[in-house]
Protein backbone atom coordinates (compact mmCIF):
# COMPACT_ATOMS: atom_id res chain seq x y z
CA MET A 1 -0.17 -44.93 40.76
CA GLY A 2 0.18 -44.51 37.00
CA PHE A 3 -2.25 -43.70 34.25
CA THR A 4 -2.54 -44.58 30.59
CA LEU A 5 -3.77 -42.61 27.63
CA ASP A 6 -5.74 -44.21 24.88
CA PRO A 7 -4.40 -43.79 21.29
CA ASN A 8 -7.19 -41.34 20.35
CA THR A 9 -6.22 -39.00 23.19
CA ILE A 10 -2.58 -39.15 22.11
CA ARG A 11 -3.54 -38.32 18.49
CA GLU A 12 -5.67 -35.37 19.64
CA LEU A 13 -2.85 -34.09 21.83
CA ALA A 14 -0.33 -34.42 18.96
CA ALA A 15 -2.68 -32.55 16.59
CA ALA A 16 -3.15 -29.76 19.14
CA ILE A 17 0.61 -29.43 19.63
CA ALA A 18 1.20 -29.37 15.85
CA ALA A 19 -1.42 -26.63 15.45
CA GLU A 20 0.28 -24.57 18.19
CA VAL A 21 3.68 -24.98 16.50
CA VAL A 22 2.28 -23.80 13.15
CA GLN A 23 0.62 -20.82 14.85
CA ALA A 24 3.88 -19.94 16.62
CA MET A 25 5.81 -20.13 13.32
CA ARG A 26 3.35 -17.77 11.66
CA ALA A 27 3.59 -15.36 14.59
CA GLU A 28 7.39 -15.34 14.16
CA ARG A 29 7.03 -13.72 10.75
CA ILE A 30 9.23 -10.70 10.35
CA PRO A 31 7.23 -7.56 9.59
CA THR A 32 8.44 -5.69 6.54
CA VAL A 33 7.96 -2.24 5.20
CA ALA A 34 4.46 -1.80 3.81
CA SER A 35 4.81 -2.75 0.18
CA ASP A 36 3.56 -0.60 -2.58
CA ASP A 37 4.10 -0.97 -6.32
CA ARG A 38 6.41 2.06 -6.33
CA GLU A 39 8.70 0.63 -3.67
CA VAL A 40 12.38 0.82 -4.53
CA CYS A 41 15.04 -0.81 -2.34
CA HIS A 42 18.75 -0.05 -2.57
CA VAL A 43 21.43 -2.31 -1.10
CA GLY A 44 24.86 -1.19 -2.22
CA PRO A 45 24.97 -1.45 -6.04
CA LEU A 46 21.67 -3.40 -6.08
CA THR A 47 18.36 -1.67 -6.85
CA VAL A 48 15.06 -3.55 -6.62
CA ASP A 49 12.16 -1.64 -8.16
CA LEU A 50 8.85 -3.41 -7.58
CA GLY A 51 6.87 -0.85 -9.58
CA ARG A 52 8.93 -1.64 -12.67
CA ARG A 53 9.16 -5.32 -11.68
CA GLU A 54 12.91 -5.36 -12.13
CA ALA A 55 16.19 -5.42 -10.28
CA ALA A 56 19.49 -3.96 -11.43
CA MET A 57 23.07 -4.40 -10.29
CA SER A 58 25.19 -1.30 -10.91
CA GLY A 59 22.66 -0.23 -13.56
CA ARG A 60 22.60 -3.61 -15.34
CA VAL A 61 19.09 -5.09 -15.32
CA LEU A 62 19.03 -8.64 -13.98
CA ASP A 63 17.14 -11.34 -15.86
CA LEU A 64 15.00 -12.55 -12.96
CA LYS A 65 11.92 -14.72 -12.93
CA PRO A 66 9.00 -13.26 -10.91
CA ARG A 67 9.62 -15.49 -7.86
CA GLU A 68 13.33 -14.62 -7.87
CA LEU A 69 12.42 -10.93 -7.93
CA GLN A 70 10.03 -11.39 -4.98
CA LEU A 71 12.71 -13.27 -3.02
CA LEU A 72 15.33 -10.63 -3.78
CA ALA A 73 12.87 -7.89 -2.77
CA ALA A 74 12.19 -9.65 0.56
CA LEU A 75 15.92 -9.89 1.23
CA ALA A 76 16.52 -6.27 0.17
CA ARG A 77 13.70 -4.96 2.41
CA ASN A 78 15.37 -6.76 5.30
CA ALA A 79 18.99 -6.07 4.33
CA GLY A 80 21.41 -6.92 7.10
CA ARG A 81 18.93 -9.26 8.82
CA ALA A 82 19.23 -13.03 8.70
CA LEU A 83 15.94 -14.57 7.55
CA ASN A 84 15.15 -18.25 7.87
CA ARG A 85 13.61 -20.27 5.06
CA ALA A 86 10.13 -20.18 6.58
CA GLN A 87 10.25 -16.39 6.79
CA LEU A 88 11.43 -16.10 3.18
CA LEU A 89 8.66 -18.43 2.02
CA GLU A 90 6.09 -16.25 3.82
CA LEU A 91 7.53 -13.05 2.37
CA ALA A 92 8.12 -14.12 -1.23
CA TRP A 93 5.48 -16.78 -1.98
CA ASP A 94 1.72 -16.30 -2.05
CA ASP A 95 -0.54 -18.49 0.12
CA VAL A 96 -1.83 -20.58 -2.80
CA THR A 97 1.69 -21.45 -3.93
CA LEU A 98 2.81 -22.08 -0.34
CA GLU A 99 0.20 -24.80 0.02
CA ARG A 100 1.78 -26.71 -2.88
CA ILE A 101 5.38 -26.48 -1.64
CA ASP A 102 6.60 -29.69 -0.02
CA SER A 103 9.94 -28.40 1.30
CA ASP A 104 11.42 -25.12 2.44
CA ARG A 105 14.49 -26.14 0.40
CA THR A 106 12.83 -24.50 -2.60
CA VAL A 107 14.27 -21.30 -1.12
CA ASP A 108 17.77 -22.73 -1.55
CA VAL A 109 17.14 -23.37 -5.25
CA HIS A 110 15.98 -19.79 -5.79
CA VAL A 111 18.91 -18.38 -3.80
CA ARG A 112 21.30 -20.35 -6.00
CA ARG A 113 19.65 -18.81 -9.09
CA LEU A 114 19.88 -15.34 -7.55
CA ARG A 115 23.60 -15.79 -6.92
CA VAL A 116 24.13 -16.63 -10.58
CA GLN A 117 22.26 -13.46 -11.56
CA LEU A 118 24.21 -11.33 -9.07
CA GLY A 119 27.45 -12.48 -10.73
CA GLU A 120 30.54 -10.92 -9.18
CA ASN A 121 28.32 -9.46 -6.43
CA ALA A 122 26.98 -12.88 -5.38
CA ALA A 123 28.91 -12.55 -2.11
CA MET A 124 26.27 -10.01 -1.04
CA LEU A 125 23.93 -12.94 -0.45
CA HIS A 126 25.26 -14.73 2.64
CA THR A 127 24.31 -18.15 3.93
CA VAL A 128 23.84 -17.92 7.69
CA ALA A 129 24.59 -21.35 9.16
CA ARG A 130 21.56 -23.10 10.68
CA VAL A 131 19.44 -19.99 10.09
CA GLY A 132 18.96 -19.04 6.45
CA TYR A 133 20.13 -16.11 4.33
CA ARG A 134 21.12 -12.45 4.65
CA LEU A 135 21.67 -9.75 2.02
CA ASP A 136 24.42 -7.23 2.79
CA PRO A 137 26.03 -4.50 0.71
CA PRO A 138 29.53 -5.39 -0.55
C-alpha cells in the first residue's frame, strides 16, 4: 500500500530541510581568536595589524582594500588551516553585506587580488582543491 504527498506538504518539507542545512552550515563556522583592534597576526614574513588597519610583507605595507584586509586577517588567524568559501565569507564579511552576495565565488575574486598584493610571496596562499584556501608561511 503506497501513499502520496500533496505539493504543499512537499514544499513545506523542502523548506524545513533547507532551513536545517543553513543552520548546519552556520554551526560549522570555525571559531577564531577573539578579535580586538590591537590584534596582530604574523605568518612568516606577513604581518596583519588590525589596530593599524594594515598588512605588511617583510616590512612593506600592502595596498589592501578593507575587505581584502579582513580576508587576509581571517586567513592569518587560521594559518595552516584550510577554510572553505562559506567560512571565509562568515569570517571576513559582515551580515549586511553577506545578505547581498549572490555567490561564494566573490571569495575567489578577493583571493586573486590578495595574491597580486603578496607578490613573490603569493605562494603562501594555497588553493585547497574542493575545499577552499589556506595561508601558510613560505
